[in-house]
C-alpha atoms as a PDB file:
ATOM      1  CA  MET A   1      59.021  83.365  90.636  1.00  0.00           C
ATOM      2  CA  PRO A   2      60.087  83.804  94.168  1.00  0.00           C
ATOM      3  CA  ASN A   3      63.810  84.705  94.846  1.00  0.00           C
ATOM      4  CA  PRO A   4      66.069  81.709  95.974  1.00  0.00           C
ATOM      5  CA  ALA A   5      67.136  81.827  99.673  1.00  0.00           C
ATOM      6  CA  PRO A   6      70.212  83.654 100.366  1.00  0.00           C
ATOM      7  CA  ASP A   7      73.503  81.970 100.961  1.00  0.00           C
ATOM      8  CA  ARG A   8      73.668  82.274 104.643  1.00  0.00           C
ATOM      9  CA  LEU A   9      77.030  81.395 104.538  1.00  0.00           C
ATOM     10  CA  THR A  10      77.927  84.613 102.751  1.00  0.00           C
ATOM     11  CA  ASP A  11      78.485  86.425 105.896  1.00  0.00           C
ATOM     12  CA  VAL A  12      80.355  83.694 107.793  1.00  0.00           C
ATOM     13  CA  PRO A  13      84.249  83.772 107.731  1.00  0.00           C
ATOM     14  CA  PRO A  14      85.609  80.847 105.667  1.00  0.00           C
ATOM     15  CA  ALA A  15      87.201  79.124 109.029  1.00  0.00           C
ATOM     16  CA  ALA A  16      83.815  78.628 110.499  1.00  0.00           C
ATOM     17  CA  GLY A  17      82.005  77.703 107.111  1.00  0.00           C
ATOM     18  CA  ALA A  18      82.003  74.016 107.921  1.00  0.00           C
ATOM     19  CA  PHE A  19      80.829  74.032 111.225  1.00  0.00           C
ATOM     20  CA  VAL A  20      77.949  76.524 110.386  1.00  0.00           C
ATOM     21  CA  ALA A  21      76.912  74.518 107.286  1.00  0.00           C
ATOM     22  CA  ALA A  22      76.779  71.263 109.506  1.00  0.00           C
ATOM     23  CA  LEU A  23      74.378  73.135 111.903  1.00  0.00           C
ATOM     24  CA  LEU A  24      72.361  74.562 109.089  1.00  0.00           C
ATOM     25  CA  ALA A  25      71.879  70.933 107.594  1.00  0.00           C
ATOM     26  CA  ASP A  26      70.526  69.716 111.021  1.00  0.00           C
ATOM     27  CA  PRO A  27      69.820  72.592 113.521  1.00  0.00           C
ATOM     28  CA  THR A  28      68.221  70.070 116.038  1.00  0.00           C
ATOM     29  CA  ALA A  29      71.339  68.223 116.601  1.00  0.00           C
ATOM     30  CA  PRO A  30      73.275  68.855 119.560  1.00  0.00           C
ATOM     31  CA  ALA A  31      76.399  71.098 118.708  1.00  0.00           C
ATOM     32  CA  LYS A  32      79.016  72.575 120.449  1.00  0.00           C
ATOM     33  CA  VAL A  33      82.075  75.035 119.417  1.00  0.00           C
ATOM     34  CA  LEU A  34      84.091  77.827 120.688  1.00  0.00           C
ATOM     35  CA  VAL A  35      84.946  80.606 117.924  1.00  0.00           C
ATOM     36  CA  SER A  36      87.954  82.250 118.846  1.00  0.00           C
ATOM     37  CA  GLY A  37      89.320  85.319 117.316  1.00  0.00           C
ATOM     38  CA  GLY A  38      90.498  89.112 117.788  1.00  0.00           C
ATOM     39  CA  ILE A  39      87.904  92.031 117.249  1.00  0.00           C
ATOM     40  CA  GLY A  40      86.469  92.532 113.863  1.00  0.00           C
ATOM     41  CA  THR A  41      87.367  88.757 112.671  1.00  0.00           C
ATOM     42  CA  GLY A  42      83.674  87.777 112.425  1.00  0.00           C
ATOM     43  CA  LYS A  43      82.886  86.040 115.798  1.00  0.00           C
ATOM     44  CA  SER A  44      79.610  87.867 115.941  1.00  0.00           C
ATOM     45  CA  ALA A  45      78.599  87.033 112.470  1.00  0.00           C
ATOM     46  CA  VAL A  46      79.099  83.331 113.054  1.00  0.00           C
ATOM     47  CA  LEU A  47      76.932  83.484 116.281  1.00  0.00           C
ATOM     48  CA  THR A  48      74.264  85.552 114.160  1.00  0.00           C
ATOM     49  CA  ALA A  49      73.913  82.634 111.768  1.00  0.00           C
ATOM     50  CA  VAL A  50      73.885  79.992 114.389  1.00  0.00           C
ATOM     51  CA  ARG A  51      71.338  81.838 116.374  1.00  0.00           C
ATOM     52  CA  THR A  52      69.187  82.468 113.213  1.00  0.00           C
ATOM     53  CA  ALA A  53      69.214  78.802 112.184  1.00  0.00           C
ATOM     54  CA  LEU A  54      68.379  77.512 115.673  1.00  0.00           C
ATOM     55  CA  ARG A  55      65.406  79.899 116.164  1.00  0.00           C
ATOM     56  CA  GLU A  56      63.924  79.064 112.553  1.00  0.00           C
ATOM     57  CA  ALA A  57      64.108  75.449 113.409  1.00  0.00           C
ATOM     58  CA  GLY A  58      61.894  76.375 116.392  1.00  0.00           C
ATOM     59  CA  ARG A  59      64.747  76.268 119.386  1.00  0.00           C
ATOM     60  CA  THR A  60      64.840  78.187 122.168  1.00  0.00           C
ATOM     61  CA  VAL A  61      68.195  80.293 122.027  1.00  0.00           C
ATOM     62  CA  LEU A  62      69.763  82.173 124.841  1.00  0.00           C
ATOM     63  CA  THR A  63      72.390  84.386 124.697  1.00  0.00           C
ATOM     64  CA  ARG A  64      73.705  84.279 128.211  1.00  0.00           C
ATOM     65  CA  PRO A  65      74.823  81.537 130.375  1.00  0.00           C
ATOM     66  CA  PRO A  66      71.838  79.376 131.754  1.00  0.00           C
ATOM     67  CA  ARG A  67      69.603  80.082 134.814  1.00  0.00           C
ATOM     68  CA  PRO A  68      67.918  77.497 137.080  1.00  0.00           C
ATOM     69  CA  ASP A  69      64.258  78.471 135.392  1.00  0.00           C
ATOM     70  CA  ASP A  70      65.467  78.486 131.994  1.00  0.00           C
ATOM     71  CA  PRO A  71      64.516  75.261 129.641  1.00  0.00           C
ATOM     72  CA  ALA A  72      66.910  72.368 129.956  1.00  0.00           C
ATOM     73  CA  ASP A  73      67.042  71.979 126.010  1.00  0.00           C
ATOM     74  CA  ALA A  74      67.619  75.850 125.302  1.00  0.00           C
ATOM     75  CA  ALA A  75      70.717  76.084 122.774  1.00  0.00           C
ATOM     76  CA  LEU A  76      73.038  78.666 124.409  1.00  0.00           C
ATOM     77  CA  VAL A  77      74.819  80.941 121.881  1.00  0.00           C
ATOM     78  CA  VAL A  78      76.939  83.270 123.926  1.00  0.00           C
ATOM     79  CA  ASP A  79      78.990  86.248 122.450  1.00  0.00           C
ATOM     80  CA  ASP A  80      82.067  87.703 123.931  1.00  0.00           C
ATOM     81  CA  ALA A  81      82.540  84.819 126.637  1.00  0.00           C
ATOM     82  CA  HIS A  82      85.914  86.350 127.637  1.00  0.00           C
ATOM     83  CA  LEU A  83      83.722  89.374 129.381  1.00  0.00           C
ATOM     84  CA  LEU A  84      81.889  86.716 131.674  1.00  0.00           C
ATOM     85  CA  GLY A  85      82.680  85.973 135.288  1.00  0.00           C
ATOM     86  CA  ASP A  86      84.271  82.521 136.178  1.00  0.00           C
ATOM     87  CA  ALA A  87      80.933  81.345 137.549  1.00  0.00           C
ATOM     88  CA  GLU A  88      79.128  82.049 134.461  1.00  0.00           C
ATOM     89  CA  LEU A  89      82.021  80.644 132.375  1.00  0.00           C
ATOM     90  CA  ASP A  90      81.617  77.525 134.679  1.00  0.00           C
ATOM     91  CA  LEU A  91      77.793  77.103 134.082  1.00  0.00           C
ATOM     92  CA  LEU A  92      78.774  77.154 130.369  1.00  0.00           C
ATOM     93  CA  ALA A  93      81.099  74.247 130.783  1.00  0.00           C
ATOM     94  CA  ASP A  94      78.940  72.288 132.899  1.00  0.00           C
ATOM     95  CA  ARG A  95      76.262  72.740 129.914  1.00  0.00           C
ATOM     96  CA  ALA A  96      78.782  71.921 127.486  1.00  0.00           C
ATOM     97  CA  ALA A  97      79.374  68.683 129.228  1.00  0.00           C
ATOM     98  CA  ASP A  98      75.870  67.549 128.407  1.00  0.00           C
ATOM     99  CA  PRO A  99      75.807  65.249 125.395  1.00  0.00           C
ATOM    100  CA  ALA A 100      72.362  66.570 124.218  1.00  0.00           C
ATOM    101  CA  ALA A 101      73.194  70.241 124.466  1.00  0.00           C
ATOM    102  CA  THR A 102      74.051  72.883 121.990  1.00  0.00           C
ATOM    103  CA  VAL A 103      76.606  75.448 123.243  1.00  0.00           C
ATOM    104  CA  VAL A 104      78.250  77.761 120.927  1.00  0.00           C
ATOM    105  CA  VAL A 105      80.219  80.418 122.193  1.00  0.00           C
ATOM    106  CA  SER A 106      82.593  83.333 121.147  1.00  0.00           C
ATOM    107  CA  ALA A 107      85.692  84.637 122.916  1.00  0.00           C
ATOM    108  CA  GLU A 108      88.989  86.371 122.365  1.00  0.00           C
ATOM    109  CA  ALA A 109      91.900  83.937 123.132  1.00  0.00           C
ATOM    110  CA  ARG A 110      92.545  84.568 126.901  1.00  0.00           C
ATOM    111  CA  LEU A 111      95.135  81.781 127.707  1.00  0.00           C
ATOM    112  CA  ARG A 112      95.780  82.852 131.234  1.00  0.00           C
ATOM    113  CA  HIS A 113      91.744  82.905 132.053  1.00  0.00           C
ATOM    114  CA  ALA A 114      91.299  79.593 133.581  1.00  0.00           C
ATOM    115  CA  ALA A 115      87.731  79.266 133.580  1.00  0.00           C
ATOM    116  CA  LEU A 116      87.658  80.245 129.774  1.00  0.00           C
ATOM    117  CA  GLN A 117      90.281  77.602 129.317  1.00  0.00           C
ATOM    118  CA  SER A 118      87.981  75.157 131.089  1.00  0.00           C
ATOM    119  CA  LEU A 119      85.138  75.908 128.887  1.00  0.00           C
ATOM    120  CA  SER A 120      87.512  75.845 125.769  1.00  0.00           C
ATOM    121  CA  THR A 121      88.502  72.398 126.975  1.00  0.00           C
ATOM    122  CA  ALA A 122      84.925  71.246 127.423  1.00  0.00           C
ATOM    123  CA  LEU A 123      83.735  72.611 123.836  1.00  0.00           C
ATOM    124  CA  ALA A 124      87.048  70.862 122.026  1.00  0.00           C
ATOM    125  CA  ARG A 125      85.894  67.569 123.200  1.00  0.00           C
ATOM    126  CA  GLU A 126      82.983  67.830 120.189  1.00  0.00           C
ATOM    127  CA  ASN A 127      84.651  70.229 117.825  1.00  0.00           C
ATOM    128  CA  PRO A 128      87.873  71.842 117.562  1.00  0.00           C
ATOM    129  CA  VAL A 129      88.204  75.465 118.189  1.00  0.00           C
ATOM    130  CA  VAL A 130      87.165  77.665 115.308  1.00  0.00           C
ATOM    131  CA  ALA A 131      90.046  80.305 115.287  1.00  0.00           C
ATOM    132  CA  LEU A 132      89.266  83.253 112.970  1.00  0.00           C
ATOM    133  CA  GLY A 133      91.811  85.731 111.745  1.00  0.00           C
ATOM    134  CA  PRO A 134      92.005  88.107 108.997  1.00  0.00           C
ATOM    135  CA  LEU A 135      90.746  87.182 105.456  1.00  0.00           C
ATOM    136  CA  GLY A 136      93.510  86.602 102.764  1.00  0.00           C
ATOM    137  CA  PRO A 137      93.085  88.615  99.411  1.00  0.00           C
ATOM    138  CA  ALA A 138      90.931  85.614  97.744  1.00  0.00           C
ATOM    139  CA  ASP A 139      88.339  85.688 100.794  1.00  0.00           C
ATOM    140  CA  VAL A 140      88.201  89.677 100.502  1.00  0.00           C
ATOM    141  CA  HIS A 141      87.570  89.237  96.755  1.00  0.00           C
ATOM    142  CA  ARG A 142      84.769  86.681  97.397  1.00  0.00           C
ATOM    143  CA  ALA A 143      83.121  88.920 100.136  1.00  0.00           C
ATOM    144  CA  ALA A 144      83.486  91.903  97.958  1.00  0.00           C
ATOM    145  CA  ALA A 145      81.998  90.412  95.051  1.00  0.00           C
ATOM    146  CA  ALA A 146      79.100  88.832  97.305  1.00  0.00           C
ATOM    147  CA  ALA A 147      78.320  92.416  98.652  1.00  0.00           C
ATOM    148  CA  LEU A 148      78.851  93.991  95.225  1.00  0.00           C
ATOM    149  CA  GLY A 149      77.064  91.576  92.963  1.00  0.00           C
ATOM    150  CA  VAL A 150      79.620  91.965  90.444  1.00  0.00           C
ATOM    151  CA  THR A 151      83.317  91.131  90.298  1.00  0.00           C
ATOM    152  CA  PRO A 152      85.382  93.615  91.877  1.00  0.00           C
ATOM    153  CA  PRO A 153      88.528  95.214  90.480  1.00  0.00           C
ATOM    154  CA  VAL A 154      91.867  94.236  91.792  1.00  0.00           C
ATOM    155  CA  GLN A 155      92.424  97.727  92.927  1.00  0.00           C
ATOM    156  CA  LEU A 156      89.197  97.548  95.045  1.00  0.00           C
ATOM    157  CA  VAL A 157      90.379  94.189  96.907  1.00  0.00           C
ATOM    158  CA  ARG A 158      93.764  95.687  97.657  1.00  0.00           C
ATOM    159  CA  ALA A 159      92.116  98.760  99.175  1.00  0.00           C
ATOM    160  CA  LEU A 160      89.579  96.699 100.888  1.00  0.00           C
ATOM    161  CA  SER A 161      92.258  94.616 102.307  1.00  0.00           C
ATOM    162  CA  ALA A 162      94.515  97.499 103.198  1.00  0.00           C
ATOM    163  CA  ALA A 163      91.855  99.244 104.912  1.00  0.00           C
ATOM    164  CA  THR A 164      90.553  96.372 107.043  1.00  0.00           C
ATOM    165  CA  GLY A 165      93.660  94.431 107.534  1.00  0.00           C
ATOM    166  CA  GLY A 166      91.792  91.451 106.007  1.00  0.00           C
END
């Protein structure tokens, strides 16, 4: 008997679960969102789940801002957008204005970065920003249980929470 498909939401932080679940349900539909959070909060895990779902649905996925010769229907799934220049952020914002486009971007919150704010505003017209932060004890417990395959002892959950900051 074949093994059941793994739960694709296991590595996705709870705050991003609804968006990723909707994308998994219909990976061909246009989708737009900004995933924001500090270092180690799971931004890259969210984008990995998104890229995988889109590629498995046969979509072309670009992990950088679009170029003139790129397919117009390519999904843009860009990590660490806060490291991009203004011109690249403007290209992403322009694509986000297209109702048929898929643009999923992660970035650290940089409130004083005008081009990043413009991109955030363009994406927020479709979906609220997915703000990631530290996991609470219940979420650490769930993640540990999923990783270990057994219910973790309370002491382990406390140690993991203390060591990782959630």
